[in-house]
Amino acid sequence: MTIHVGSLGSLRVDQVLRTRQSHAARDDRLQLVLKTLLCLKVPLQRREVFAALDEAFPIAPCPRTSTRMLSGLAKKHALDLSDLTLSWHGERKYELNHYHYSAVVDACAKVGRWTKALQLVSFLFRGKMECNTITFCAAISACEKAGQWEKALQLQSLMLSSRVP
């Protein structure tokens, strides 16, 4: 049996089922990695986090998986883990883009770590990476939660003057 799937053209049902199973397996694996990281004892040790990530990803994770992992850590308010995971990607020379940094800025916003959020936004600007509205809004939120209204207004002004998408 064949079905039509828009711009992808036609696929056989068994291909669609295999794709769905593959995505489900990838989701299960990502949830396992997140649970493993979240179970590490505090204070976090860099080498333990890196070892757990090396074991989970013997080859570079795809950028989308990395973004989902960092976003999952942000949802759990795990800024230190998010930051170490971002460092792990950088040290391994794995692809990093503005989505990865945005996820960590979001974690900063959730715990009110405005200085870290500003450092990440500054790094994005210095590195000529795209800094989008979502990233700025998360950084502004981090400043607001910490009562840093002047910094929040400065970020908003920078966002408007830079014509951030």
Protein backbone atom coordinates (compact mmCIF):
# COMPACT_ATOMS: atom_id res chain seq x y z
CA MET A 1 0.00 0.00 0.00
CA THR A 2 1.28 3.48 -0.88
CA ILE A 3 0.29 6.81 0.64
CA HIS A 4 0.93 10.35 -0.52
CA VAL A 5 2.80 12.54 1.97
CA GLY A 6 2.84 16.01 0.45
CA SER A 7 6.20 17.27 -0.75
CA LEU A 8 7.85 13.94 0.09
CA GLY A 9 5.91 12.24 -2.68
CA SER A 10 4.64 8.74 -2.14
CA LEU A 11 5.87 6.35 0.52
CA ARG A 12 4.94 2.81 1.26
CA VAL A 13 3.18 2.27 4.58
CA ASP A 14 6.04 0.09 5.86
CA GLN A 15 8.47 2.97 5.21
CA VAL A 16 6.27 5.33 7.21
CA LEU A 17 6.02 2.83 10.08
CA ARG A 18 9.80 2.29 10.11
CA THR A 19 10.32 6.06 10.21
CA ARG A 20 7.90 6.43 13.14
CA GLN A 21 9.58 3.56 14.99
CA SER A 22 12.97 5.14 14.36
CA HIS A 23 11.77 8.48 15.78
CA ALA A 24 10.26 6.72 18.80
CA ALA A 25 13.51 4.86 19.47
CA ARG A 26 15.46 8.12 19.18
CA ASP A 27 13.03 9.80 21.62
CA ASP A 28 13.41 6.91 24.07
CA ARG A 29 17.20 7.13 23.86
CA LEU A 30 17.13 10.89 24.41
CA GLN A 31 14.88 10.49 27.46
CA LEU A 32 17.31 7.90 28.85
CA VAL A 33 20.25 10.28 28.34
CA LEU A 34 18.34 13.09 30.07
CA LYS A 35 17.48 10.83 33.02
CA THR A 36 21.11 9.71 33.27
CA LEU A 37 22.35 13.30 33.32
CA LEU A 38 19.71 14.43 35.81
CA CYS A 39 20.67 11.56 38.16
CA LEU A 40 24.30 12.67 38.44
CA LYS A 41 25.15 13.76 41.93
CA VAL A 42 25.50 17.40 42.88
CA PRO A 43 27.86 19.17 42.79
CA LEU A 44 28.28 18.17 39.18
CA GLN A 45 31.69 17.03 38.11
CA ARG A 46 32.69 18.02 34.59
CA ARG A 47 34.40 14.69 33.93
CA GLU A 48 31.32 12.71 35.02
CA VAL A 49 29.00 14.72 32.78
CA PHE A 50 31.41 14.43 29.85
CA ALA A 51 31.82 10.68 30.45
CA ALA A 52 28.04 10.19 30.48
CA LEU A 53 27.67 12.16 27.25
CA ASP A 54 30.61 10.34 25.61
CA GLU A 55 29.00 7.02 26.48
CA ALA A 56 25.59 8.10 25.21
CA PHE A 57 26.97 9.63 22.00
CA PRO A 58 30.08 7.79 20.74
CA ILE A 59 29.59 9.78 17.52
CA ALA A 60 28.35 13.35 17.22
CA PRO A 61 24.65 13.71 17.91
CA CYS A 62 22.71 15.42 15.15
CA PRO A 63 22.08 19.12 15.83
CA ARG A 64 18.35 18.55 16.33
CA THR A 65 19.01 15.89 18.99
CA SER A 66 21.42 18.26 20.73
CA THR A 67 18.83 21.03 20.71
CA ARG A 68 16.19 18.70 22.12
CA MET A 69 18.58 17.51 24.82
CA LEU A 70 19.49 21.07 25.85
CA SER A 71 15.83 22.11 25.79
CA GLY A 72 14.93 19.10 27.95
CA LEU A 73 17.56 20.12 30.49
CA ALA A 74 16.27 23.71 30.44
CA LYS A 75 12.73 22.48 31.15
CA LYS A 76 14.10 20.75 34.25
CA HIS A 77 15.82 24.01 35.32
CA ALA A 78 19.17 22.24 35.01
CA LEU A 79 21.35 25.19 34.04
CA ASP A 80 24.63 23.68 35.22
CA LEU A 81 23.97 20.52 33.22
CA SER A 82 22.93 22.58 30.20
CA ASP A 83 26.11 24.63 30.43
CA LEU A 84 28.32 21.55 30.77
CA THR A 85 26.52 19.87 27.86
CA LEU A 86 27.12 22.96 25.73
CA SER A 87 30.81 22.88 26.75
CA TRP A 88 30.99 19.19 25.88
CA HIS A 89 29.72 19.93 22.38
CA GLY A 90 32.29 22.70 21.97
CA GLU A 91 35.22 20.64 23.21
CA ARG A 92 34.28 17.75 20.95
CA LYS A 93 34.04 20.19 18.02
CA TYR A 94 30.44 19.15 17.44
CA GLU A 95 28.18 21.53 15.60
CA LEU A 96 26.75 24.32 17.73
CA ASN A 97 24.24 26.85 16.49
CA HIS A 98 22.00 29.56 17.89
CA TYR A 99 19.32 27.00 18.82
CA HIS A 100 21.73 25.32 21.23
CA TYR A 101 22.69 28.59 22.85
CA SER A 102 19.04 29.69 22.99
CA ALA A 103 18.17 26.54 24.94
CA VAL A 104 20.85 27.33 27.53
CA VAL A 105 19.74 30.99 27.72
CA ASP A 106 16.24 29.62 28.37
CA ALA A 107 17.65 27.57 31.26
CA CYS A 108 19.24 30.79 32.58
CA ALA A 109 15.84 32.47 32.44
CA LYS A 110 14.18 29.64 34.35
CA VAL A 111 16.62 29.99 37.26
CA GLY A 112 17.20 33.76 37.04
CA ARG A 113 20.91 33.59 36.19
CA TRP A 114 20.99 36.83 34.25
CA THR A 115 24.78 37.19 34.12
CA LYS A 116 25.16 33.82 32.38
CA ALA A 117 22.35 34.71 29.97
CA LEU A 118 24.11 37.97 29.06
CA GLN A 119 27.43 36.13 28.59
CA LEU A 120 25.79 33.74 26.13
CA VAL A 121 24.06 36.51 24.17
CA SER A 122 27.35 38.41 24.04
CA PHE A 123 29.13 35.28 22.81
CA LEU A 124 26.55 34.87 20.04
CA PHE A 125 27.10 38.46 18.91
CA ARG A 126 30.90 38.17 19.02
CA GLY A 127 30.78 34.89 17.14
CA LYS A 128 28.53 36.41 14.48
CA MET A 129 25.90 33.75 15.15
CA GLU A 130 22.26 34.53 14.65
CA CYS A 131 20.65 35.81 17.81
CA ASN A 132 16.89 35.64 17.41
CA THR A 133 13.90 37.05 19.29
CA ILE A 134 13.53 33.87 21.32
CA THR A 135 17.10 34.13 22.60
CA PHE A 136 16.69 37.79 23.48
CA CYS A 137 13.34 37.24 25.20
CA ALA A 138 14.84 34.46 27.33
CA ALA A 139 17.76 36.71 28.31
CA ILE A 140 15.36 39.56 29.10
CA SER A 141 13.31 37.16 31.21
CA ALA A 142 16.42 36.10 33.14
CA CYS A 143 17.18 39.76 33.88
CA GLU A 144 13.58 40.45 34.94
CA LYS A 145 13.48 37.48 37.31
CA ALA A 146 16.64 38.76 38.98
CA GLY A 147 15.25 42.30 39.23
CA GLN A 148 17.79 43.61 36.71
CA TRP A 149 15.32 45.90 34.95
CA GLU A 150 17.96 48.21 33.52
CA LYS A 151 19.75 45.28 31.87
CA ALA A 152 16.42 43.96 30.55
CA LEU A 153 15.65 47.35 28.98
CA GLN A 154 19.16 47.55 27.52
CA LEU A 155 18.68 44.12 25.93
CA GLN A 156 15.32 45.15 24.53
CA SER A 157 16.88 48.30 23.08
CA LEU A 158 19.75 46.29 21.55
CA MET A 159 17.28 43.81 20.11
CA LEU A 160 15.28 46.61 18.44
CA SER A 161 18.34 48.51 17.15
CA SER A 162 19.88 45.31 15.76
CA ARG A 163 16.64 44.40 13.99
CA VAL A 164 16.69 40.93 15.43
CA PRO A 165 14.44 38.49 13.55
